[in-house]
PDB file of all heavy atoms in Angstrom:
ATOM      1  N   ASN A   1       7.734 -22.152  17.585  1.00  0.00           N
ATOM      2  CA  ASN A   1       8.225 -23.517  17.763  1.00  0.00           C
ATOM      3  C   ASN A   1       9.688 -23.666  17.363  1.00  0.00           C
ATOM      4  O   ASN A   1      10.265 -24.746  17.514  1.00  0.00           O
ATOM      5  CB  ASN A   1       7.385 -24.495  16.934  1.00  0.00           C
ATOM      6  CG  ASN A   1       7.718 -24.420  15.452  1.00  0.00           C
ATOM      7  OD1 ASN A   1       7.944 -23.338  14.904  1.00  0.00           O
ATOM      8  ND2 ASN A   1       7.750 -25.571  14.799  1.00  0.00           N
ATOM      9  N   ASN A   2      10.285 -22.594  16.866  1.00  0.00           N
ATOM     10  CA  ASN A   2      11.655 -22.650  16.369  1.00  0.00           C
ATOM     11  C   ASN A   2      12.571 -21.896  17.324  1.00  0.00           C
ATOM     12  O   ASN A   2      12.750 -20.688  17.212  1.00  0.00           O
ATOM     13  CB  ASN A   2      11.736 -22.059  14.964  1.00  0.00           C
ATOM     14  CG  ASN A   2      13.060 -22.351  14.298  1.00  0.00           C
ATOM     15  OD1 ASN A   2      14.068 -22.547  14.965  1.00  0.00           O
ATOM     16  ND2 ASN A   2      13.051 -22.394  12.981  1.00  0.00           N
ATOM     17  N   LEU A   3      13.151 -22.616  18.276  1.00  0.00           N
ATOM     18  CA  LEU A   3      13.999 -21.994  19.279  1.00  0.00           C
ATOM     19  C   LEU A   3      15.340 -21.559  18.704  1.00  0.00           C
ATOM     20  O   LEU A   3      16.101 -20.850  19.372  1.00  0.00           O
ATOM     21  CB  LEU A   3      14.220 -22.933  20.462  1.00  0.00           C
ATOM     22  CG  LEU A   3      13.054 -23.067  21.464  1.00  0.00           C
ATOM     23  CD1 LEU A   3      11.855 -23.776  20.843  1.00  0.00           C
ATOM     24  CD2 LEU A   3      13.487 -23.800  22.730  1.00  0.00           C
ATOM     25  N   LEU A   4      15.628 -21.958  17.473  1.00  0.00           N
ATOM     26  CA  LEU A   4      16.830 -21.490  16.791  1.00  0.00           C
ATOM     27  C   LEU A   4      16.655 -20.069  16.289  1.00  0.00           C
ATOM     28  O   LEU A   4      17.645 -19.376  16.015  1.00  0.00           O
ATOM     29  CB  LEU A   4      17.166 -22.407  15.610  1.00  0.00           C
ATOM     30  CG  LEU A   4      17.306 -23.900  15.904  1.00  0.00           C
ATOM     31  CD1 LEU A   4      17.555 -24.664  14.607  1.00  0.00           C
ATOM     32  CD2 LEU A   4      18.399 -24.163  16.909  1.00  0.00           C
ATOM     33  N   LEU A   5      15.392 -19.631  16.164  1.00  0.00           N
ATOM     34  CA  LEU A   5      15.100 -18.318  15.595  1.00  0.00           C
ATOM     35  C   LEU A   5      14.358 -17.379  16.541  1.00  0.00           C
ATOM     36  O   LEU A   5      14.504 -16.168  16.434  1.00  0.00           O
ATOM     37  CB  LEU A   5      14.254 -18.477  14.323  1.00  0.00           C
ATOM     38  CG  LEU A   5      14.893 -19.129  13.100  1.00  0.00           C
ATOM     39  CD1 LEU A   5      13.850 -19.267  11.999  1.00  0.00           C
ATOM     40  CD2 LEU A   5      16.090 -18.328  12.618  1.00  0.00           C
ATOM     41  N   ASN A   6      13.550 -17.917  17.461  1.00  0.00           N
ATOM     42  CA  ASN A   6      12.592 -17.058  18.152  1.00  0.00           C
ATOM     43  C   ASN A   6      13.220 -16.088  19.147  1.00  0.00           C
ATOM     44  O   ASN A   6      12.531 -15.198  19.644  1.00  0.00           O
ATOM     45  CB  ASN A   6      11.472 -17.876  18.810  1.00  0.00           C
ATOM     46  CG  ASN A   6      11.948 -18.763  19.953  1.00  0.00           C
ATOM     47  OD1 ASN A   6      13.051 -18.611  20.477  1.00  0.00           O
ATOM     48  ND2 ASN A   6      11.103 -19.713  20.325  1.00  0.00           N
ATOM     49  N   SER A   7      14.510 -16.249  19.442  1.00  0.00           N
ATOM     50  CA  SER A   7      15.191 -15.285  20.318  1.00  0.00           C
ATOM     51  C   SER A   7      16.516 -14.820  19.734  1.00  0.00           C
ATOM     52  O   SER A   7      17.328 -14.228  20.447  1.00  0.00           O
ATOM     53  CB  SER A   7      15.440 -15.905  21.695  1.00  0.00           C
ATOM     54  OG  SER A   7      14.234 -16.231  22.332  1.00  0.00           O
ATOM     55  N   ALA A   8      16.734 -15.096  18.456  1.00  0.00           N
ATOM     56  CA  ALA A   8      18.010 -14.753  17.831  1.00  0.00           C
ATOM     57  C   ALA A   8      18.232 -13.244  17.831  1.00  0.00           C
ATOM     58  O   ALA A   8      17.319 -12.477  17.538  1.00  0.00           O
ATOM     59  CB  ALA A   8      18.055 -15.291  16.407  1.00  0.00           C
ATOM     60  N   GLN A   9      19.435 -12.840  18.186  1.00  0.00           N
ATOM     61  CA  GLN A   9      19.813 -11.428  18.217  1.00  0.00           C
ATOM     62  C   GLN A   9      20.882 -11.156  17.165  1.00  0.00           C
ATOM     63  O   GLN A   9      21.938 -10.598  17.442  1.00  0.00           O
ATOM     64  CB  GLN A   9      20.339 -11.058  19.610  1.00  0.00           C
ATOM     65  CG  GLN A   9      19.369 -11.328  20.731  1.00  0.00           C
ATOM     66  CD  GLN A   9      18.135 -10.464  20.632  1.00  0.00           C
ATOM     67  OE1 GLN A   9      18.218  -9.257  20.378  1.00  0.00           O
ATOM     68  NE2 GLN A   9      16.973 -11.083  20.847  1.00  0.00           N
ATOM     69  N   GLY A  10      20.620 -11.608  15.949  1.00  0.00           N
ATOM     70  CA  GLY A  10      21.572 -11.383  14.866  1.00  0.00           C
ATOM     71  C   GLY A  10      22.572 -12.503  14.694  1.00  0.00           C
ATOM     72  O   GLY A  10      23.485 -12.398  13.873  1.00  0.00           O
ATOM     73  N   GLY A  11      22.424 -13.585  15.461  1.00  0.00           N
ATOM     74  CA  GLY A  11      23.333 -14.712  15.337  1.00  0.00           C
ATOM     75  C   GLY A  11      22.584 -16.016  15.508  1.00  0.00           C
ATOM     76  O   GLY A  11      21.353 -16.044  15.529  1.00  0.00           O
ATOM     77  N   GLU A  12      23.341 -17.106  15.624  1.00  0.00           N
ATOM     78  CA  GLU A  12      22.758 -18.422  15.799  1.00  0.00           C
ATOM     79  C   GLU A  12      23.105 -18.965  17.182  1.00  0.00           C
ATOM     80  O   GLU A  12      24.204 -18.735  17.682  1.00  0.00           O
ATOM     81  CB  GLU A  12      23.274 -19.381  14.731  1.00  0.00           C
ATOM     82  CG  GLU A  12      22.947 -18.973  13.306  1.00  0.00           C
ATOM     83  CD  GLU A  12      23.519 -19.936  12.284  1.00  0.00           C
ATOM     84  OE1 GLU A  12      24.018 -21.004  12.696  1.00  0.00           O
ATOM     85  OE2 GLU A  12      23.464 -19.607  11.090  1.00  0.00           O
ATOM     86  N   PRO A  13      22.209 -19.716  17.809  1.00  0.00           N
ATOM     87  CA  PRO A  13      22.548 -20.343  19.082  1.00  0.00           C
ATOM     88  C   PRO A  13      23.625 -21.402  18.884  1.00  0.00           C
ATOM     89  O   PRO A  13      23.716 -22.026  17.828  1.00  0.00           O
ATOM     90  CB  PRO A  13      21.226 -20.965  19.544  1.00  0.00           C
ATOM     91  CG  PRO A  13      20.385 -21.071  18.326  1.00  0.00           C
ATOM     92  CD  PRO A  13      20.827 -19.997  17.400  1.00  0.00           C
ATOM     93  N   PHE A  14      24.458 -21.586  19.896  1.00  0.00           N
ATOM     94  CA  PHE A  14      25.505 -22.598  19.796  1.00  0.00           C
ATOM     95  C   PHE A  14      24.989 -23.927  20.345  1.00  0.00           C
ATOM     96  O   PHE A  14      24.096 -23.969  21.187  1.00  0.00           O
ATOM     97  CB  PHE A  14      26.771 -22.157  20.536  1.00  0.00           C
ATOM     98  CG  PHE A  14      26.584 -21.862  22.005  1.00  0.00           C
ATOM     99  CD1 PHE A  14      26.617 -22.888  22.949  1.00  0.00           C
ATOM    100  CD2 PHE A  14      26.408 -20.557  22.452  1.00  0.00           C
ATOM    101  CE1 PHE A  14      26.448 -22.616  24.296  1.00  0.00           C
ATOM    102  CE2 PHE A  14      26.233 -20.290  23.806  1.00  0.00           C
ATOM    103  CZ  PHE A  14      26.253 -21.314  24.727  1.00  0.00           C
ATOM    104  N   GLY A  15      25.543 -25.019  19.831  1.00  0.00           N
ATOM    105  CA  GLY A  15      25.158 -26.340  20.306  1.00  0.00           C
ATOM    106  C   GLY A  15      24.675 -27.237  19.193  1.00  0.00           C
ATOM    107  O   GLY A  15      24.643 -26.857  18.013  1.00  0.00           O
ATOM    108  N   GLU A  16      24.304 -28.450  19.561  1.00  0.00           N
ATOM    109  CA  GLU A  16      23.834 -29.457  18.615  1.00  0.00           C
ATOM    110  C   GLU A  16      22.368 -29.217  18.252  1.00  0.00           C
ATOM    111  O   GLU A  16      21.489 -29.295  19.100  1.00  0.00           O
ATOM    112  CB  GLU A  16      23.981 -30.854  19.237  1.00  0.00           C
ATOM    113  CG  GLU A  16      23.491 -31.992  18.371  1.00  0.00           C
ATOM    114  CD  GLU A  16      23.556 -33.326  19.078  1.00  0.00           C
ATOM    115  OE1 GLU A  16      24.452 -33.522  19.924  1.00  0.00           O
ATOM    116  OE2 GLU A  16      22.698 -34.191  18.798  1.00  0.00           O
ATOM    117  N   ARG A  17      22.111 -28.897  16.994  1.00  0.00           N
ATOM    118  CA  ARG A  17      20.741 -28.644  16.544  1.00  0.00           C
ATOM    119  C   ARG A  17      19.955 -29.941  16.472  1.00  0.00           C
ATOM    120  O   ARG A  17      20.495 -30.992  16.124  1.00  0.00           O
ATOM    121  CB  ARG A  17      20.756 -27.958  15.179  1.00  0.00           C
ATOM    122  CG  ARG A  17      21.345 -26.564  15.187  1.00  0.00           C
ATOM    123  CD  ARG A  17      21.244 -25.949  13.802  1.00  0.00           C
ATOM    124  NE  ARG A  17      22.091 -26.634  12.847  1.00  0.00           N
ATOM    125  CZ  ARG A  17      23.243 -26.160  12.370  1.00  0.00           C
ATOM    126  NH1 ARG A  17      23.684 -24.979  12.776  1.00  0.00           N
ATOM    127  NH2 ARG A  17      23.941 -26.839  11.493  1.00  0.00           N
ATOM    128  N   MET A  18      18.685 -29.864  16.783  1.00  0.00           N
ATOM    129  CA  MET A  18      17.847 -31.059  16.706  1.00  0.00           C
ATOM    130  C   MET A  18      16.402 -30.689  16.460  1.00  0.00           C
ATOM    131  O   MET A  18      15.957 -29.576  16.747  1.00  0.00           O
ATOM    132  CB  MET A  18      17.979 -31.907  17.972  1.00  0.00           C
ATOM    133  CG  MET A  18      17.523 -31.239  19.241  1.00  0.00           C
ATOM    134  SD  MET A  18      17.739 -32.347  20.662  1.00  0.00           S
ATOM    135  CE  MET A  18      16.897 -31.378  21.926  1.00  0.00           C
ATOM    136  N   VAL A  19      15.676 -31.662  15.907  1.00  0.00           N
ATOM    137  CA  VAL A  19      14.233 -31.581  15.717  1.00  0.00           C
ATOM    138  C   VAL A  19      13.605 -32.511  16.750  1.00  0.00           C
ATOM    139  O   VAL A  19      14.001 -33.665  16.877  1.00  0.00           O
ATOM    140  CB  VAL A  19      13.830 -32.038  14.301  1.00  0.00           C
ATOM    141  CG1 VAL A  19      12.314 -32.019  14.142  1.00  0.00           C
ATOM    142  CG2 VAL A  19      14.496 -31.171  13.254  1.00  0.00           C
ATOM    143  N   VAL A  20      12.639 -32.001  17.501  1.00  0.00           N
ATOM    144  CA  VAL A  20      11.892 -32.818  18.460  1.00  0.00           C
ATOM    145  C   VAL A  20      10.444 -32.833  17.991  1.00  0.00           C
ATOM    146  O   VAL A  20       9.817 -31.777  17.850  1.00  0.00           O
ATOM    147  CB  VAL A  20      11.979 -32.260  19.889  1.00  0.00           C
ATOM    148  CG1 VAL A  20      11.122 -33.083  20.845  1.00  0.00           C
ATOM    149  CG2 VAL A  20      13.426 -32.237  20.362  1.00  0.00           C
ATOM    150  N   SER A  21       9.910 -34.018  17.729  1.00  0.00           N
ATOM    151  CA  SER A  21       8.574 -34.126  17.178  1.00  0.00           C
ATOM    152  C   SER A  21       7.884 -35.373  17.710  1.00  0.00           C
ATOM    153  O   SER A  21       8.535 -36.313  18.178  1.00  0.00           O
ATOM    154  CB  SER A  21       8.644 -34.179  15.639  1.00  0.00           C
ATOM    155  OG  SER A  21       7.351 -34.211  15.066  1.00  0.00           O
ATOM    156  N   GLY A  22       6.575 -35.367  17.639  1.00  0.00           N
ATOM    157  CA  GLY A  22       5.807 -36.520  18.081  1.00  0.00           C
ATOM    158  C   GLY A  22       4.324 -36.236  17.983  1.00  0.00           C
ATOM    159  O   GLY A  22       3.901 -35.251  17.372  1.00  0.00           O
ATOM    160  N   LYS A  23       3.533 -37.109  18.622  1.00  0.00           N
ATOM    161  CA  LYS A  23       2.092 -36.952  18.651  1.00  0.00           C
ATOM    162  C   LYS A  23       1.596 -36.863  20.084  1.00  0.00           C
ATOM    163  O   LYS A  23       2.165 -37.484  20.987  1.00  0.00           O
ATOM    164  CB  LYS A  23       1.402 -38.130  17.956  1.00  0.00           C
ATOM    165  CG  LYS A  23       1.516 -38.115  16.446  1.00  0.00           C
ATOM    166  CD  LYS A  23       0.606 -39.177  15.821  1.00  0.00           C
ATOM    167  CE  LYS A  23       0.604 -39.069  14.311  1.00  0.00           C
ATOM    168  NZ  LYS A  23      -0.374 -39.998  13.694  1.00  0.00           N
ATOM    169  N   VAL A  24       0.533 -36.092  20.270  1.00  0.00           N
ATOM    170  CA  VAL A  24      -0.197 -36.079  21.532  1.00  0.00           C
ATOM    171  C   VAL A  24      -1.420 -36.965  21.341  1.00  0.00           C
ATOM    172  O   VAL A  24      -2.218 -36.742  20.418  1.00  0.00           O
ATOM    173  CB  VAL A  24      -0.597 -34.657  21.942  1.00  0.00           C
ATOM    174  CG1 VAL A  24      -1.419 -34.683  23.231  1.00  0.00           C
ATOM    175  CG2 VAL A  24       0.647 -33.793  22.122  1.00  0.00           C
ATOM    176  N   LEU A  25      -1.561 -37.973  22.214  1.00  0.00           N
ATOM    177  CA  LEU A  25      -2.611 -38.973  22.079  1.00  0.00           C
ATOM    178  C   LEU A  25      -3.414 -39.097  23.363  1.00  0.00           C
ATOM    179  O   LEU A  25      -2.914 -38.781  24.453  1.00  0.00           O
ATOM    180  CB  LEU A  25      -1.987 -40.342  21.758  1.00  0.00           C
ATOM    181  CG  LEU A  25      -1.022 -40.399  20.574  1.00  0.00           C
ATOM    182  CD1 LEU A  25      -0.258 -41.707  20.586  1.00  0.00           C
ATOM    183  CD2 LEU A  25      -1.775 -40.222  19.267  1.00  0.00           C
ATOM    184  N   ASP A  26      -4.656 -39.564  23.246  1.00  0.00           N
ATOM    185  CA  ASP A  26      -5.409 -39.892  24.454  1.00  0.00           C
ATOM    186  C   ASP A  26      -5.154 -41.358  24.810  1.00  0.00           C
ATOM    187  O   ASP A  26      -4.359 -42.050  24.166  1.00  0.00           O
ATOM    188  CB  ASP A  26      -6.900 -39.589  24.278  1.00  0.00           C
ATOM    189  CG  ASP A  26      -7.594 -40.463  23.241  1.00  0.00           C
ATOM    190  OD1 ASP A  26      -7.005 -41.484  22.803  1.00  0.00           O
ATOM    191  OD2 ASP A  26      -8.727 -40.136  22.851  1.00  0.00           O
ATOM    192  N   ARG A  27      -5.832 -41.852  25.824  1.00  0.00           N
ATOM    193  CA  ARG A  27      -5.564 -43.194  26.318  1.00  0.00           C
ATOM    194  C   ARG A  27      -5.877 -44.286  25.298  1.00  0.00           C
ATOM    195  O   ARG A  27      -5.364 -45.401  25.388  1.00  0.00           O
ATOM    196  CB  ARG A  27      -6.365 -43.449  27.596  1.00  0.00           C
ATOM    197  CG  ARG A  27      -7.867 -43.572  27.368  1.00  0.00           C
ATOM    198  CD  ARG A  27      -8.603 -43.893  28.655  1.00  0.00           C
ATOM    199  NE  ARG A  27      -8.693 -42.726  29.519  1.00  0.00           N
ATOM    200  CZ  ARG A  27      -9.174 -42.773  30.765  1.00  0.00           C
ATOM    201  NH1 ARG A  27      -9.578 -43.922  31.274  1.00  0.00           N
ATOM    202  NH2 ARG A  27      -9.245 -41.669  31.484  1.00  0.00           N
ATOM    203  N   TRP A  28      -6.715 -43.973  24.319  1.00  0.00           N
ATOM    204  CA  TRP A  28      -7.090 -44.944  23.290  1.00  0.00           C
ATOM    205  C   TRP A  28      -6.231 -44.811  22.034  1.00  0.00           C
ATOM    206  O   TRP A  28      -6.483 -45.472  21.033  1.00  0.00           O
ATOM    207  CB  TRP A  28      -8.566 -44.797  22.938  1.00  0.00           C
ATOM    208  CG  TRP A  28      -9.459 -45.052  24.115  1.00  0.00           C
ATOM    209  CD1 TRP A  28      -9.771 -46.269  24.674  1.00  0.00           C
ATOM    210  CD2 TRP A  28     -10.124 -44.065  24.901  1.00  0.00           C
ATOM    211  NE1 TRP A  28     -10.594 -46.098  25.761  1.00  0.00           N
ATOM    212  CE2 TRP A  28     -10.836 -44.756  25.928  1.00  0.00           C
ATOM    213  CE3 TRP A  28     -10.201 -42.680  24.861  1.00  0.00           C
ATOM    214  CZ2 TRP A  28     -11.600 -44.095  26.887  1.00  0.00           C
ATOM    215  CZ3 TRP A  28     -10.955 -42.011  25.814  1.00  0.00           C
ATOM    216  CH2 TRP A  28     -11.642 -42.723  26.808  1.00  0.00           C
ATOM    217  N   GLY A  29      -5.250 -43.920  22.076  1.00  0.00           N
ATOM    218  CA  GLY A  29      -4.376 -43.729  20.925  1.00  0.00           C
ATOM    219  C   GLY A  29      -4.909 -42.777  19.893  1.00  0.00           C
ATOM    220  O   GLY A  29      -4.378 -42.696  18.780  1.00  0.00           O
ATOM    221  N   HIS A  30      -5.969 -42.031  20.227  1.00  0.00           N
ATOM    222  CA  HIS A  30      -6.531 -41.064  19.291  1.00  0.00           C
ATOM    223  C   HIS A  30      -5.713 -39.770  19.320  1.00  0.00           C
ATOM    224  O   HIS A  30      -5.404 -39.254  20.407  1.00  0.00           O
ATOM    225  CB  HIS A  30      -7.983 -40.747  19.649  1.00  0.00           C
ATOM    226  CG  HIS A  30      -8.874 -41.951  19.604  1.00  0.00           C
ATOM    227  ND1 HIS A  30      -9.947 -42.115  20.454  1.00  0.00           N
ATOM    228  CD2 HIS A  30      -8.846 -43.053  18.822  1.00  0.00           C
ATOM    229  CE1 HIS A  30     -10.547 -43.256  20.195  1.00  0.00           C
ATOM    230  NE2 HIS A  30      -9.898 -43.850  19.207  1.00  0.00           N
ATOM    231  N   PRO A  31      -5.361 -39.217  18.175  1.00  0.00           N
ATOM    232  CA  PRO A  31      -4.600 -37.960  18.146  1.00  0.00           C
ATOM    233  C   PRO A  31      -5.407 -36.808  18.721  1.00  0.00           C
ATOM    234  O   PRO A  31      -6.639 -36.760  18.579  1.00  0.00           O
ATOM    235  CB  PRO A  31      -4.318 -37.756  16.653  1.00  0.00           C
ATOM    236  CG  PRO A  31      -5.363 -38.554  15.947  1.00  0.00           C
ATOM    237  CD  PRO A  31      -5.658 -39.735  16.818  1.00  0.00           C
ATOM    238  N   GLN A  32      -4.711 -35.884  19.354  1.00  0.00           N
ATOM    239  CA  GLN A  32      -5.351 -34.752  20.005  1.00  0.00           C
ATOM    240  C   GLN A  32      -4.947 -33.440  19.316  1.00  0.00           C
ATOM    241  O   GLN A  32      -3.890 -32.880  19.585  1.00  0.00           O
ATOM    242  CB  GLN A  32      -4.957 -34.709  21.488  1.00  0.00           C
ATOM    243  CG  GLN A  32      -5.361 -35.950  22.274  1.00  0.00           C
ATOM    244  CD  GLN A  32      -6.867 -36.134  22.312  1.00  0.00           C
ATOM    245  OE1 GLN A  32      -7.583 -35.369  22.949  1.00  0.00           O
ATOM    246  NE2 GLN A  32      -7.353 -37.152  21.607  1.00  0.00           N
ATOM    247  N   PRO A  33      -5.774 -32.941  18.393  1.00  0.00           N
ATOM    248  CA  PRO A  33      -5.456 -31.687  17.704  1.00  0.00           C
ATOM    249  C   PRO A  33      -5.732 -30.477  18.597  1.00  0.00           C
ATOM    250  O   PRO A  33      -6.501 -30.555  19.559  1.00  0.00           O
ATOM    251  CB  PRO A  33      -6.398 -31.707  16.503  1.00  0.00           C
ATOM    252  CG  PRO A  33      -7.575 -32.505  16.983  1.00  0.00           C
ATOM    253  CD  PRO A  33      -7.025 -33.549  17.898  1.00  0.00           C
ATOM    254  N   GLY A  34      -5.113 -29.359  18.270  1.00  0.00           N
ATOM    255  CA  GLY A  34      -5.390 -28.105  18.956  1.00  0.00           C
ATOM    256  C   GLY A  34      -4.891 -28.027  20.375  1.00  0.00           C
ATOM    257  O   GLY A  34      -5.361 -27.207  21.156  1.00  0.00           O
ATOM    258  N   VAL A  35      -3.912 -28.869  20.725  1.00  0.00           N
ATOM    259  CA  VAL A  35      -3.351 -28.853  22.076  1.00  0.00           C
ATOM    260  C   VAL A  35      -2.163 -27.891  22.116  1.00  0.00           C
ATOM    261  O   VAL A  35      -1.298 -27.924  21.229  1.00  0.00           O
ATOM    262  CB  VAL A  35      -2.912 -30.266  22.495  1.00  0.00           C
ATOM    263  CG1 VAL A  35      -2.140 -30.232  23.816  1.00  0.00           C
ATOM    264  CG2 VAL A  35      -4.118 -31.186  22.618  1.00  0.00           C
ATOM    265  N   LEU A  36      -2.120 -27.039  23.114  1.00  0.00           N
ATOM    266  CA  LEU A  36      -1.002 -26.110  23.281  1.00  0.00           C
ATOM    267  C   LEU A  36       0.142 -26.813  24.008  1.00  0.00           C
ATOM    268  O   LEU A  36      -0.043 -27.343  25.107  1.00  0.00           O
ATOM    269  CB  LEU A  36      -1.439 -24.878  24.075  1.00  0.00           C
ATOM    270  CG  LEU A  36      -0.334 -23.899  24.471  1.00  0.00           C
ATOM    271  CD1 LEU A  36       0.314 -23.270  23.242  1.00  0.00           C
ATOM    272  CD2 LEU A  36      -0.885 -22.816  25.406  1.00  0.00           C
ATOM    273  N   ILE A  37       1.314 -26.831  23.386  1.00  0.00           N
ATOM    274  CA  ILE A  37       2.515 -27.400  23.995  1.00  0.00           C
ATOM    275  C   ILE A  37       3.529 -26.287  24.192  1.00  0.00           C
ATOM    276  O   ILE A  37       3.856 -25.560  23.251  1.00  0.00           O
ATOM    277  CB  ILE A  37       3.123 -28.502  23.116  1.00  0.00           C
ATOM    278  CG1 ILE A  37       2.120 -29.632  22.883  1.00  0.00           C
ATOM    279  CG2 ILE A  37       4.395 -29.055  23.763  1.00  0.00           C
ATOM    280  CD1 ILE A  37       2.658 -30.731  22.000  1.00  0.00           C
ATOM    281  N   GLU A  38       4.014 -26.159  25.399  1.00  0.00           N
ATOM    282  CA  GLU A  38       5.082 -25.220  25.712  1.00  0.00           C
ATOM    283  C   GLU A  38       6.281 -26.007  26.224  1.00  0.00           C
ATOM    284  O   GLU A  38       6.116 -26.977  26.964  1.00  0.00           O
ATOM    285  CB  GLU A  38       4.634 -24.215  26.765  1.00  0.00           C
ATOM    286  CG  GLU A  38       3.480 -23.336  26.310  1.00  0.00           C
ATOM    287  CD  GLU A  38       3.021 -22.369  27.386  1.00  0.00           C
ATOM    288  OE1 GLU A  38       2.914 -22.787  28.561  1.00  0.00           O
ATOM    289  OE2 GLU A  38       2.757 -21.206  27.055  1.00  0.00           O
ATOM    290  N   ILE A  39       7.477 -25.610  25.813  1.00  0.00           N
ATOM    291  CA  ILE A  39       8.689 -26.258  26.306  1.00  0.00           C
ATOM    292  C   ILE A  39       9.630 -25.208  26.869  1.00  0.00           C
ATOM    293  O   ILE A  39       9.595 -24.043  26.487  1.00  0.00           O
ATOM    294  CB  ILE A  39       9.406 -27.076  25.213  1.00  0.00           C
ATOM    295  CG1 ILE A  39       9.933 -26.181  24.083  1.00  0.00           C
ATOM    296  CG2 ILE A  39       8.489 -28.173  24.677  1.00  0.00           C
ATOM    297  CD1 ILE A  39      10.842 -26.915  23.100  1.00  0.00           C
ATOM    298  N   TRP A  40      10.453 -25.635  27.814  1.00  0.00           N
ATOM    299  CA  TRP A  40      11.549 -24.800  28.298  1.00  0.00           C
ATOM    300  C   TRP A  40      12.716 -25.695  28.652  1.00  0.00           C
ATOM    301  O   TRP A  40      12.550 -26.840  29.052  1.00  0.00           O
ATOM    302  CB  TRP A  40      11.131 -23.901  29.450  1.00  0.00           C
ATOM    303  CG  TRP A  40      10.698 -24.573  30.725  1.00  0.00           C
ATOM    304  CD1 TRP A  40      11.447 -24.782  31.837  1.00  0.00           C
ATOM    305  CD2 TRP A  40       9.384 -25.071  31.038  1.00  0.00           C
ATOM    306  NE1 TRP A  40      10.705 -25.397  32.827  1.00  0.00           N
ATOM    307  CE2 TRP A  40       9.432 -25.584  32.356  1.00  0.00           C
ATOM    308  CE3 TRP A  40       8.183 -25.141  30.328  1.00  0.00           C
ATOM    309  CZ2 TRP A  40       8.320 -26.157  32.982  1.00  0.00           C
ATOM    310  CZ3 TRP A  40       7.082 -25.717  30.946  1.00  0.00           C
ATOM    311  CH2 TRP A  40       7.159 -26.212  32.251  1.00  0.00           C
TER     312      TRP A  40
END
């Protein structure tokens, strides 16, 4: 989940660092644990 580290080749990525976070919910607002999230 840490794109600042998961492909680092001895350095740091350039750009504005940020944390992206939130909840996955169903239609009734119930939290959904164990959901796989992939980003690109």
